[in-house]
């Protein structure tokens, strides 16, 4: 019980913690646990320190305040108890991506997809792991599995965006165009917060001008994930489009604009950082 108490109390600490130092030398931190969600989950864990379900809840609380490093450790404890739990593997692989631990994420997510081939989010995040490692052909294959197992149109649109990007980076423009064409003109998304994915696909199809596809750029002091996510995603996607269309200066401009932000956990932010680190 003493060990459990120490671990729970550590999880309840309110301080912002260093999560990762990027390849560009920036240090990224967690957010304060202002609502006490981590503290509450840590207290709940005292009832049963070996409960995978309670450990997962603690990890999810940690994730909500960007304590990804702590969440990965918590999920590691749960996986020692249930090593073949797909949900735990997917969650850990998902959180290893913002920590820039792409190889570890690829291993966790590849295992999860093998254990449950119908698990859409395993394929989706496995695609991201391959993609950030520069493994574009395997990334496209994983993203296509995510499209094929998508439970709804929104998820299909989201994954199609990445299938297209990965195929273009793999120098397969004809296959990329075919993938984008699978989203017909009349198809709509149902969730407002995912509209930016559809806009990206329409841009790739040539059906939406660049100026209309890009959302408003957030203020430089913004730390609101929901405000920054659309801009990061679309700006990275369009910058990436300029990159594989042989306009590197225009691409770099978009990537730098994304890096003006602070929400270091978005895929567009990570993708922009990966590209700028190559310079």
C-alpha atoms as a PDB file:
ATOM      1  CA  UNK A   1       0.000   0.000   0.000  1.00  0.00           C
ATOM      2  CA  UNK A   2       2.898   2.374   0.654  1.00  0.00           C
ATOM      3  CA  UNK A   3       4.095   2.061  -2.940  1.00  0.00           C
ATOM      4  CA  UNK A   4       0.569   2.596  -4.240  1.00  0.00           C
ATOM      5  CA  UNK A   5       0.196   5.660  -2.051  1.00  0.00           C
ATOM      6  CA  UNK A   6       3.459   7.150  -3.290  1.00  0.00           C
ATOM      7  CA  UNK A   7       2.492   6.547  -6.924  1.00  0.00           C
ATOM      8  CA  UNK A   8      -0.956   8.017  -6.422  1.00  0.00           C
ATOM      9  CA  UNK A   9       0.382  11.078  -4.655  1.00  0.00           C
ATOM     10  CA  UNK A  10       2.947  11.584  -7.413  1.00  0.00           C
ATOM     11  CA  UNK A  11       0.150  11.502  -9.973  1.00  0.00           C
ATOM     12  CA  UNK A  12      -1.664  14.185  -7.996  1.00  0.00           C
ATOM     13  CA  UNK A  13       1.158  16.728  -8.128  1.00  0.00           C
ATOM     14  CA  UNK A  14      -0.167  19.965  -9.697  1.00  0.00           C
ATOM     15  CA  UNK A  15       3.103  21.205 -11.165  1.00  0.00           C
ATOM     16  CA  UNK A  16       3.658  21.432 -14.891  1.00  0.00           C
ATOM     17  CA  UNK A  17       6.205  18.833 -15.912  1.00  0.00           C
ATOM     18  CA  UNK A  18       8.649  18.690 -18.800  1.00  0.00           C
ATOM     19  CA  UNK A  19       7.298  16.271 -21.388  1.00  0.00           C
ATOM     20  CA  UNK A  20       9.707  16.419 -24.300  1.00  0.00           C
ATOM     21  CA  UNK A  21      12.497  18.491 -25.815  1.00  0.00           C
ATOM     22  CA  UNK A  22      11.879  18.684 -29.538  1.00  0.00           C
ATOM     23  CA  UNK A  23      14.381  18.121 -32.324  1.00  0.00           C
ATOM     24  CA  UNK A  24      14.376  21.913 -32.716  1.00  0.00           C
ATOM     25  CA  UNK A  25      15.373  22.391 -29.072  1.00  0.00           C
ATOM     26  CA  UNK A  26      12.001  23.579 -27.735  1.00  0.00           C
ATOM     27  CA  UNK A  27      10.857  22.298 -24.366  1.00  0.00           C
ATOM     28  CA  UNK A  28       7.218  21.323 -24.028  1.00  0.00           C
ATOM     29  CA  UNK A  29       5.384  21.047 -20.723  1.00  0.00           C
ATOM     30  CA  UNK A  30       2.154  19.645 -19.343  1.00  0.00           C
ATOM     31  CA  UNK A  31      -0.709  21.861 -18.214  1.00  0.00           C
ATOM     32  CA  UNK A  32      -1.647  22.482 -14.565  1.00  0.00           C
ATOM     33  CA  UNK A  33      -4.207  20.072 -13.123  1.00  0.00           C
ATOM     34  CA  UNK A  34      -6.535  22.982 -12.388  1.00  0.00           C
ATOM     35  CA  UNK A  35      -9.705  20.883 -12.219  1.00  0.00           C
ATOM     36  CA  UNK A  36      -8.090  18.184 -10.119  1.00  0.00           C
ATOM     37  CA  UNK A  37      -8.834  15.381 -12.584  1.00  0.00           C
ATOM     38  CA  UNK A  38      -5.441  13.737 -12.118  1.00  0.00           C
ATOM     39  CA  UNK A  39      -5.687  14.097  -8.363  1.00  0.00           C
ATOM     40  CA  UNK A  40      -9.138  12.482  -8.341  1.00  0.00           C
ATOM     41  CA  UNK A  41      -8.010   9.577 -10.518  1.00  0.00           C
ATOM     42  CA  UNK A  42      -4.963   9.088  -8.318  1.00  0.00           C
ATOM     43  CA  UNK A  43      -7.131   8.900  -5.218  1.00  0.00           C
ATOM     44  CA  UNK A  44      -9.475   6.431  -6.897  1.00  0.00           C
ATOM     45  CA  UNK A  45      -6.506   4.209  -7.700  1.00  0.00           C
ATOM     46  CA  UNK A  46      -5.800   3.782  -3.994  1.00  0.00           C
ATOM     47  CA  UNK A  47      -8.754   1.400  -3.836  1.00  0.00           C
ATOM     48  CA  UNK A  48      -6.973  -1.065  -6.138  1.00  0.00           C
ATOM     49  CA  UNK A  49      -3.492  -0.124  -7.373  1.00  0.00           C
ATOM     50  CA  UNK A  50      -3.415  -3.120  -9.748  1.00  0.00           C
ATOM     51  CA  UNK A  51      -6.683  -2.425 -11.512  1.00  0.00           C
ATOM     52  CA  UNK A  52      -6.062  -1.949 -15.267  1.00  0.00           C
ATOM     53  CA  UNK A  53      -9.354  -0.072 -15.510  1.00  0.00           C
ATOM     54  CA  UNK A  54      -8.382   2.421 -12.782  1.00  0.00           C
ATOM     55  CA  UNK A  55      -4.899   2.765 -14.251  1.00  0.00           C
ATOM     56  CA  UNK A  56      -6.437   3.549 -17.644  1.00  0.00           C
ATOM     57  CA  UNK A  57      -8.647   6.187 -16.041  1.00  0.00           C
ATOM     58  CA  UNK A  58      -5.598   7.742 -14.392  1.00  0.00           C
ATOM     59  CA  UNK A  59      -3.770   7.736 -17.730  1.00  0.00           C
ATOM     60  CA  UNK A  60      -6.732   9.403 -19.432  1.00  0.00           C
ATOM     61  CA  UNK A  61      -6.802  12.060 -16.725  1.00  0.00           C
ATOM     62  CA  UNK A  62      -3.085  12.658 -17.216  1.00  0.00           C
ATOM     63  CA  UNK A  63      -3.573  12.906 -20.972  1.00  0.00           C
ATOM     64  CA  UNK A  64      -6.249  15.575 -20.496  1.00  0.00           C
ATOM     65  CA  UNK A  65      -3.595  17.901 -19.032  1.00  0.00           C
ATOM     66  CA  UNK A  66      -0.880  16.845 -21.494  1.00  0.00           C
ATOM     67  CA  UNK A  67       0.965  14.680 -18.977  1.00  0.00           C
ATOM     68  CA  UNK A  68       1.775  12.269 -21.768  1.00  0.00           C
ATOM     69  CA  UNK A  69       5.022  11.025 -20.251  1.00  0.00           C
ATOM     70  CA  UNK A  70       3.275  10.188 -16.986  1.00  0.00           C
ATOM     71  CA  UNK A  71       0.411   8.573 -18.916  1.00  0.00           C
ATOM     72  CA  UNK A  72       2.797   6.319 -20.837  1.00  0.00           C
ATOM     73  CA  UNK A  73       4.297   5.174 -17.526  1.00  0.00           C
ATOM     74  CA  UNK A  74       0.844   4.558 -16.065  1.00  0.00           C
ATOM     75  CA  UNK A  75      -0.199   2.554 -19.120  1.00  0.00           C
ATOM     76  CA  UNK A  76       3.023   0.568 -18.840  1.00  0.00           C
ATOM     77  CA  UNK A  77       1.955  -0.487 -15.341  1.00  0.00           C
ATOM     78  CA  UNK A  78      -1.414  -1.584 -16.688  1.00  0.00           C
ATOM     79  CA  UNK A  79       0.157  -3.503 -19.562  1.00  0.00           C
ATOM     80  CA  UNK A  80       2.283  -5.495 -17.134  1.00  0.00           C
ATOM     81  CA  UNK A  81      -1.005  -6.808 -15.765  1.00  0.00           C
ATOM     82  CA  UNK A  82      -2.796  -7.188 -19.129  1.00  0.00           C
ATOM     83  CA  UNK A  83      -0.060  -7.326 -21.799  1.00  0.00           C
ATOM     84  CA  UNK A  84      -2.446  -8.157 -24.668  1.00  0.00           C
ATOM     85  CA  UNK A  85      -5.037  -5.498 -23.906  1.00  0.00           C
ATOM     86  CA  UNK A  86      -5.592  -3.722 -27.232  1.00  0.00           C
ATOM     87  CA  UNK A  87      -7.130  -0.598 -25.698  1.00  0.00           C
ATOM     88  CA  UNK A  88      -4.088  -0.127 -23.456  1.00  0.00           C
ATOM     89  CA  UNK A  89      -1.666  -0.693 -26.349  1.00  0.00           C
ATOM     90  CA  UNK A  90      -3.488   1.786 -28.568  1.00  0.00           C
ATOM     91  CA  UNK A  91      -3.616   4.394 -25.821  1.00  0.00           C
ATOM     92  CA  UNK A  92       0.084   4.047 -25.042  1.00  0.00           C
ATOM     93  CA  UNK A  93       1.058   4.122 -28.714  1.00  0.00           C
ATOM     94  CA  UNK A  94      -1.135   7.172 -29.228  1.00  0.00           C
ATOM     95  CA  UNK A  95       0.587   9.039 -26.391  1.00  0.00           C
ATOM     96  CA  UNK A  96       4.091   8.000 -27.468  1.00  0.00           C
ATOM     97  CA  UNK A  97       3.554   9.951 -30.688  1.00  0.00           C
ATOM     98  CA  UNK A  98       3.428  13.432 -29.045  1.00  0.00           C
ATOM     99  CA  UNK A  99       6.506  12.417 -27.042  1.00  0.00           C
ATOM    100  CA  UNK A 100       8.242  11.940 -30.431  1.00  0.00           C
ATOM    101  CA  UNK A 101       8.854   8.272 -29.544  1.00  0.00           C
ATOM    102  CA  UNK A 102       7.756   7.126 -32.977  1.00  0.00           C
ATOM    103  CA  UNK A 103       9.575   3.784 -32.978  1.00  0.00           C
ATOM    104  CA  UNK A 104       8.011   2.760 -29.662  1.00  0.00           C
ATOM    105  CA  UNK A 105       4.620   3.886 -30.924  1.00  0.00           C
ATOM    106  CA  UNK A 106       5.044   1.833 -34.100  1.00  0.00           C
ATOM    107  CA  UNK A 107       5.722  -1.270 -31.997  1.00  0.00           C
ATOM    108  CA  UNK A 108       2.747  -0.780 -29.670  1.00  0.00           C
ATOM    109  CA  UNK A 109       0.313   0.124 -32.429  1.00  0.00           C
ATOM    110  CA  UNK A 110       1.518  -2.589 -34.788  1.00  0.00           C
ATOM    111  CA  UNK A 111       0.923  -5.131 -32.041  1.00  0.00           C
ATOM    112  CA  UNK A 112      -2.518  -3.702 -31.335  1.00  0.00           C
ATOM    113  CA  UNK A 113      -3.505  -3.852 -35.025  1.00  0.00           C
ATOM    114  CA  UNK A 114      -2.298  -7.441 -35.236  1.00  0.00           C
ATOM    115  CA  UNK A 115      -4.319  -8.407 -32.161  1.00  0.00           C
ATOM    116  CA  UNK A 116      -7.439  -6.673 -33.459  1.00  0.00           C
ATOM    117  CA  UNK A 117      -7.342  -5.963 -37.220  1.00  0.00           C
ATOM    118  CA  UNK A 118     -10.748  -4.270 -37.044  1.00  0.00           C
ATOM    119  CA  UNK A 119      -9.536  -1.644 -34.596  1.00  0.00           C
ATOM    120  CA  UNK A 120      -9.628   1.554 -36.640  1.00  0.00           C
ATOM    121  CA  UNK A 121      -7.723   3.765 -34.198  1.00  0.00           C
ATOM    122  CA  UNK A 122      -4.866   1.250 -34.032  1.00  0.00           C
ATOM    123  CA  UNK A 123      -4.402   1.479 -37.808  1.00  0.00           C
ATOM    124  CA  UNK A 124      -4.796   5.266 -37.821  1.00  0.00           C
ATOM    125  CA  UNK A 125      -2.156   5.897 -35.186  1.00  0.00           C
ATOM    126  CA  UNK A 126       0.110   3.216 -36.643  1.00  0.00           C
ATOM    127  CA  UNK A 127      -0.078   5.171 -39.889  1.00  0.00           C
ATOM    128  CA  UNK A 128       1.062   8.289 -38.044  1.00  0.00           C
ATOM    129  CA  UNK A 129       3.994   6.430 -36.467  1.00  0.00           C
ATOM    130  CA  UNK A 130       5.162   5.210 -39.883  1.00  0.00           C
ATOM    131  CA  UNK A 131       4.544   8.645 -41.389  1.00  0.00           C
ATOM    132  CA  UNK A 132       6.599  10.576 -38.835  1.00  0.00           C
ATOM    133  CA  UNK A 133       9.402   8.041 -39.300  1.00  0.00           C
ATOM    134  CA  UNK A 134       9.393   8.795 -43.028  1.00  0.00           C
ATOM    135  CA  UNK A 135       7.999   5.351 -43.874  1.00  0.00           C
ATOM    136  CA  UNK A 136       5.398   6.668 -46.273  1.00  0.00           C
ATOM    137  CA  UNK A 137       4.359   3.509 -48.137  1.00  0.00           C
ATOM    138  CA  UNK A 138       3.632   1.549 -44.904  1.00  0.00           C
ATOM    139  CA  UNK A 139       1.919   4.677 -43.560  1.00  0.00           C
ATOM    140  CA  UNK A 140      -0.404   4.778 -46.573  1.00  0.00           C
ATOM    141  CA  UNK A 141      -1.211   1.103 -46.130  1.00  0.00           C
ATOM    142  CA  UNK A 142      -2.054   1.581 -42.436  1.00  0.00           C
ATOM    143  CA  UNK A 143      -4.169   4.664 -43.152  1.00  0.00           C
ATOM    144  CA  UNK A 144      -6.050   2.736 -45.849  1.00  0.00           C
ATOM    145  CA  UNK A 145      -6.849   0.073 -43.258  1.00  0.00           C
ATOM    146  CA  UNK A 146      -8.185   2.919 -41.082  1.00  0.00           C
ATOM    147  CA  UNK A 147     -10.397   4.041 -43.983  1.00  0.00           C
ATOM    148  CA  UNK A 148     -11.639   0.497 -44.509  1.00  0.00           C
ATOM    149  CA  UNK A 149     -12.499   0.014 -40.829  1.00  0.00           C
ATOM    150  CA  UNK A 150     -13.843   3.540 -40.234  1.00  0.00           C
ATOM    151  CA  UNK A 151     -17.120   3.420 -38.282  1.00  0.00           C
ATOM    152  CA  UNK A 152     -18.516   6.561 -39.943  1.00  0.00           C
ATOM    153  CA  UNK A 153     -17.976   9.083 -42.714  1.00  0.00           C
ATOM    154  CA  UNK A 154     -16.108  11.560 -40.523  1.00  0.00           C
ATOM    155  CA  UNK A 155     -13.435   9.012 -39.672  1.00  0.00           C
ATOM    156  CA  UNK A 156     -13.228   7.968 -43.326  1.00  0.00           C
ATOM    157  CA  UNK A 157     -12.634  11.577 -44.400  1.00  0.00           C
ATOM    158  CA  UNK A 158     -10.008  12.084 -41.683  1.00  0.00           C
ATOM    159  CA  UNK A 159      -8.072   8.949 -42.639  1.00  0.00           C
ATOM    160  CA  UNK A 160      -8.382   9.673 -46.372  1.00  0.00           C
ATOM    161  CA  UNK A 161      -6.568  12.952 -45.786  1.00  0.00           C
ATOM    162  CA  UNK A 162      -3.600  10.984 -44.463  1.00  0.00           C
ATOM    163  CA  UNK A 163      -3.808   8.267 -47.139  1.00  0.00           C
ATOM    164  CA  UNK A 164      -3.483  10.987 -49.761  1.00  0.00           C
ATOM    165  CA  UNK A 165      -0.589  12.732 -47.994  1.00  0.00           C
ATOM    166  CA  UNK A 166       1.299   9.485 -47.396  1.00  0.00           C
ATOM    167  CA  UNK A 167       0.882   8.323 -51.004  1.00  0.00           C
ATOM    168  CA  UNK A 168       2.069  11.664 -52.341  1.00  0.00           C
ATOM    169  CA  UNK A 169       5.129  11.497 -50.089  1.00  0.00           C
ATOM    170  CA  UNK A 170       5.661   7.932 -51.335  1.00  0.00           C
ATOM    171  CA  UNK A 171       5.694   9.361 -54.885  1.00  0.00           C
ATOM    172  CA  UNK A 172       2.472   7.636 -55.887  1.00  0.00           C
ATOM    173  CA  UNK A 173       0.374  10.553 -57.201  1.00  0.00           C
ATOM    174  CA  UNK A 174      -2.056   8.436 -59.234  1.00  0.00           C
ATOM    175  CA  UNK A 175      -2.888   6.247 -56.254  1.00  0.00           C
ATOM    176  CA  UNK A 176      -3.240   9.368 -54.097  1.00  0.00           C
ATOM    177  CA  UNK A 177      -5.693  10.936 -56.522  1.00  0.00           C
ATOM    178  CA  UNK A 178      -7.717   7.713 -56.570  1.00  0.00           C
ATOM    179  CA  UNK A 179      -7.827   7.666 -52.769  1.00  0.00           C
ATOM    180  CA  UNK A 180      -9.028  11.280 -52.599  1.00  0.00           C
ATOM    181  CA  UNK A 181     -11.667  10.592 -55.246  1.00  0.00           C
ATOM    182  CA  UNK A 182     -13.241   8.039 -52.891  1.00  0.00           C
ATOM    183  CA  UNK A 183     -14.725  11.028 -51.029  1.00  0.00           C
ATOM    184  CA  UNK A 184     -17.493  12.047 -53.483  1.00  0.00           C
ATOM    185  CA  UNK A 185     -18.547  15.686 -54.005  1.00  0.00           C
ATOM    186  CA  UNK A 186     -21.796  15.259 -52.085  1.00  0.00           C
ATOM    187  CA  UNK A 187     -20.216  13.681 -49.004  1.00  0.00           C
ATOM    188  CA  UNK A 188     -20.438  15.806 -45.853  1.00  0.00           C
ATOM    189  CA  UNK A 189     -18.982  15.509 -42.404  1.00  0.00           C
ATOM    190  CA  UNK A 190     -21.375  15.430 -39.463  1.00  0.00           C
ATOM    191  CA  UNK A 191     -19.148  16.894 -36.716  1.00  0.00           C
ATOM    192  CA  UNK A 192     -18.354  20.589 -37.052  1.00  0.00           C
ATOM    193  CA  UNK A 193     -14.963  20.234 -35.398  1.00  0.00           C
ATOM    194  CA  UNK A 194     -13.787  17.880 -38.167  1.00  0.00           C
ATOM    195  CA  UNK A 195     -14.775  20.121 -41.062  1.00  0.00           C
ATOM    196  CA  UNK A 196     -11.126  21.042 -41.593  1.00  0.00           C
ATOM    197  CA  UNK A 197     -10.343  17.455 -42.642  1.00  0.00           C
ATOM    198  CA  UNK A 198     -12.992  17.611 -45.347  1.00  0.00           C
ATOM    199  CA  UNK A 199     -11.649  20.993 -46.464  1.00  0.00           C
ATOM    200  CA  UNK A 200      -8.197  19.461 -46.837  1.00  0.00           C
ATOM    201  CA  UNK A 201      -9.547  16.612 -48.949  1.00  0.00           C
ATOM    202  CA  UNK A 202     -11.466  19.096 -51.119  1.00  0.00           C
ATOM    203  CA  UNK A 203      -8.270  21.112 -51.532  1.00  0.00           C
ATOM    204  CA  UNK A 204      -6.392  17.980 -52.594  1.00  0.00           C
ATOM    205  CA  UNK A 205      -9.159  17.277 -55.107  1.00  0.00           C
ATOM    206  CA  UNK A 206      -8.827  20.796 -56.523  1.00  0.00           C
ATOM    207  CA  UNK A 207     -12.366  21.619 -55.428  1.00  0.00           C
ATOM    208  CA  UNK A 208     -11.479  24.216 -52.756  1.00  0.00           C
ATOM    209  CA  UNK A 209      -9.012  27.101 -53.126  1.00  0.00           C
ATOM    210  CA  UNK A 210      -6.085  27.260 -50.716  1.00  0.00           C
ATOM    211  CA  UNK A 211      -7.211  30.560 -49.199  1.00  0.00           C
ATOM    212  CA  UNK A 212     -10.617  29.109 -48.325  1.00  0.00           C
ATOM    213  CA  UNK A 213      -9.222  25.883 -46.893  1.00  0.00           C
ATOM    214  CA  UNK A 214      -6.955  27.461 -44.247  1.00  0.00           C
ATOM    215  CA  UNK A 215      -8.695  28.316 -40.940  1.00  0.00           C
ATOM    216  CA  UNK A 216      -7.863  31.531 -39.049  1.00  0.00           C
ATOM    217  CA  UNK A 217      -4.441  31.478 -37.440  1.00  0.00           C
ATOM    218  CA  UNK A 218      -4.676  31.478 -33.616  1.00  0.00           C
ATOM    219  CA  UNK A 219      -3.077  34.165 -31.474  1.00  0.00           C
ATOM    220  CA  UNK A 220       0.537  33.491 -30.503  1.00  0.00           C
ATOM    221  CA  UNK A 221      -0.359  33.244 -26.814  1.00  0.00           C
ATOM    222  CA  UNK A 222      -3.043  30.622 -27.505  1.00  0.00           C
ATOM    223  CA  UNK A 223      -2.931  27.343 -25.555  1.00  0.00           C
ATOM    224  CA  UNK A 224      -6.428  26.211 -26.538  1.00  0.00           C
ATOM    225  CA  UNK A 225      -6.142  22.901 -28.349  1.00  0.00           C
ATOM    226  CA  UNK A 226      -9.545  23.235 -30.028  1.00  0.00           C
ATOM    227  CA  UNK A 227      -8.589  26.620 -31.529  1.00  0.00           C
ATOM    228  CA  UNK A 228      -5.158  25.582 -32.688  1.00  0.00           C
ATOM    229  CA  UNK A 229      -5.955  22.077 -33.944  1.00  0.00           C
ATOM    230  CA  UNK A 230      -7.768  23.147 -37.161  1.00  0.00           C
ATOM    231  CA  UNK A 231      -5.038  25.586 -38.163  1.00  0.00           C
ATOM    232  CA  UNK A 232      -2.182  23.199 -37.397  1.00  0.00           C
ATOM    233  CA  UNK A 233      -3.825  20.355 -39.304  1.00  0.00           C
ATOM    234  CA  UNK A 234      -4.694  22.301 -42.439  1.00  0.00           C
ATOM    235  CA  UNK A 235      -1.562  24.476 -42.513  1.00  0.00           C
ATOM    236  CA  UNK A 236       0.603  21.390 -42.223  1.00  0.00           C
ATOM    237  CA  UNK A 237      -1.419  19.549 -44.871  1.00  0.00           C
ATOM    238  CA  UNK A 238      -1.177  22.420 -47.346  1.00  0.00           C
ATOM    239  CA  UNK A 239       2.486  23.031 -46.535  1.00  0.00           C
ATOM    240  CA  UNK A 240       3.073  19.354 -47.176  1.00  0.00           C
ATOM    241  CA  UNK A 241       1.227  19.707 -50.516  1.00  0.00           C
ATOM    242  CA  UNK A 242       3.599  22.516 -51.518  1.00  0.00           C
ATOM    243  CA  UNK A 243       6.534  20.335 -50.467  1.00  0.00           C
ATOM    244  CA  UNK A 244       5.722  17.434 -52.758  1.00  0.00           C
ATOM    245  CA  UNK A 245       4.768  19.885 -55.509  1.00  0.00           C
ATOM    246  CA  UNK A 246       8.343  21.206 -55.466  1.00  0.00           C
ATOM    247  CA  UNK A 247       7.682  24.492 -53.672  1.00  0.00           C
ATOM    248  CA  UNK A 248       9.884  24.051 -50.586  1.00  0.00           C
ATOM    249  CA  UNK A 249       9.975  27.738 -49.626  1.00  0.00           C
ATOM    250  CA  UNK A 250       6.187  27.938 -49.531  1.00  0.00           C
ATOM    251  CA  UNK A 251       6.077  24.690 -47.561  1.00  0.00           C
ATOM    252  CA  UNK A 252       8.577  25.959 -45.010  1.00  0.00           C
ATOM    253  CA  UNK A 253       6.531  29.112 -44.557  1.00  0.00           C
ATOM    254  CA  UNK A 254       3.487  27.071 -43.558  1.00  0.00           C
ATOM    255  CA  UNK A 255       5.509  24.823 -41.266  1.00  0.00           C
ATOM    256  CA  UNK A 256       7.015  27.832 -39.471  1.00  0.00           C
ATOM    257  CA  UNK A 257       3.564  29.353 -38.982  1.00  0.00           C
ATOM    258  CA  UNK A 258       2.400  26.143 -37.335  1.00  0.00           C
ATOM    259  CA  UNK A 259       5.441  26.175 -35.069  1.00  0.00           C
ATOM    260  CA  UNK A 260       4.450  29.644 -33.811  1.00  0.00           C
ATOM    261  CA  UNK A 261       1.801  27.820 -31.806  1.00  0.00           C
ATOM    262  CA  UNK A 262       2.007  26.109 -28.447  1.00  0.00           C
ATOM    263  CA  UNK A 263      -0.187  23.033 -28.767  1.00  0.00           C
ATOM    264  CA  UNK A 264       2.697  20.636 -29.254  1.00  0.00           C
ATOM    265  CA  UNK A 265       0.489  17.529 -29.231  1.00  0.00           C
ATOM    266  CA  UNK A 266      -1.291  18.080 -32.593  1.00  0.00           C
ATOM    267  CA  UNK A 267      -0.276  15.995 -35.593  1.00  0.00           C
ATOM    268  CA  UNK A 268       0.178  19.095 -37.722  1.00  0.00           C
ATOM    269  CA  UNK A 269       2.538  20.559 -35.147  1.00  0.00           C
ATOM    270  CA  UNK A 270       4.555  17.351 -34.956  1.00  0.00           C
ATOM    271  CA  UNK A 271       4.647  16.978 -38.745  1.00  0.00           C
ATOM    272  CA  UNK A 272       5.836  20.574 -39.192  1.00  0.00           C
ATOM    273  CA  UNK A 273       8.530  20.049 -36.569  1.00  0.00           C
ATOM    274  CA  UNK A 274       9.740  16.866 -38.286  1.00  0.00           C
ATOM    275  CA  UNK A 275      10.104  18.720 -41.587  1.00  0.00           C
ATOM    276  CA  UNK A 276      11.823  21.775 -40.121  1.00  0.00           C
ATOM    277  CA  UNK A 277      14.248  19.571 -38.206  1.00  0.00           C
ATOM    278  CA  UNK A 278      15.505  18.236 -41.539  1.00  0.00           C
ATOM    279  CA  UNK A 279      16.890  21.657 -42.481  1.00  0.00           C
END
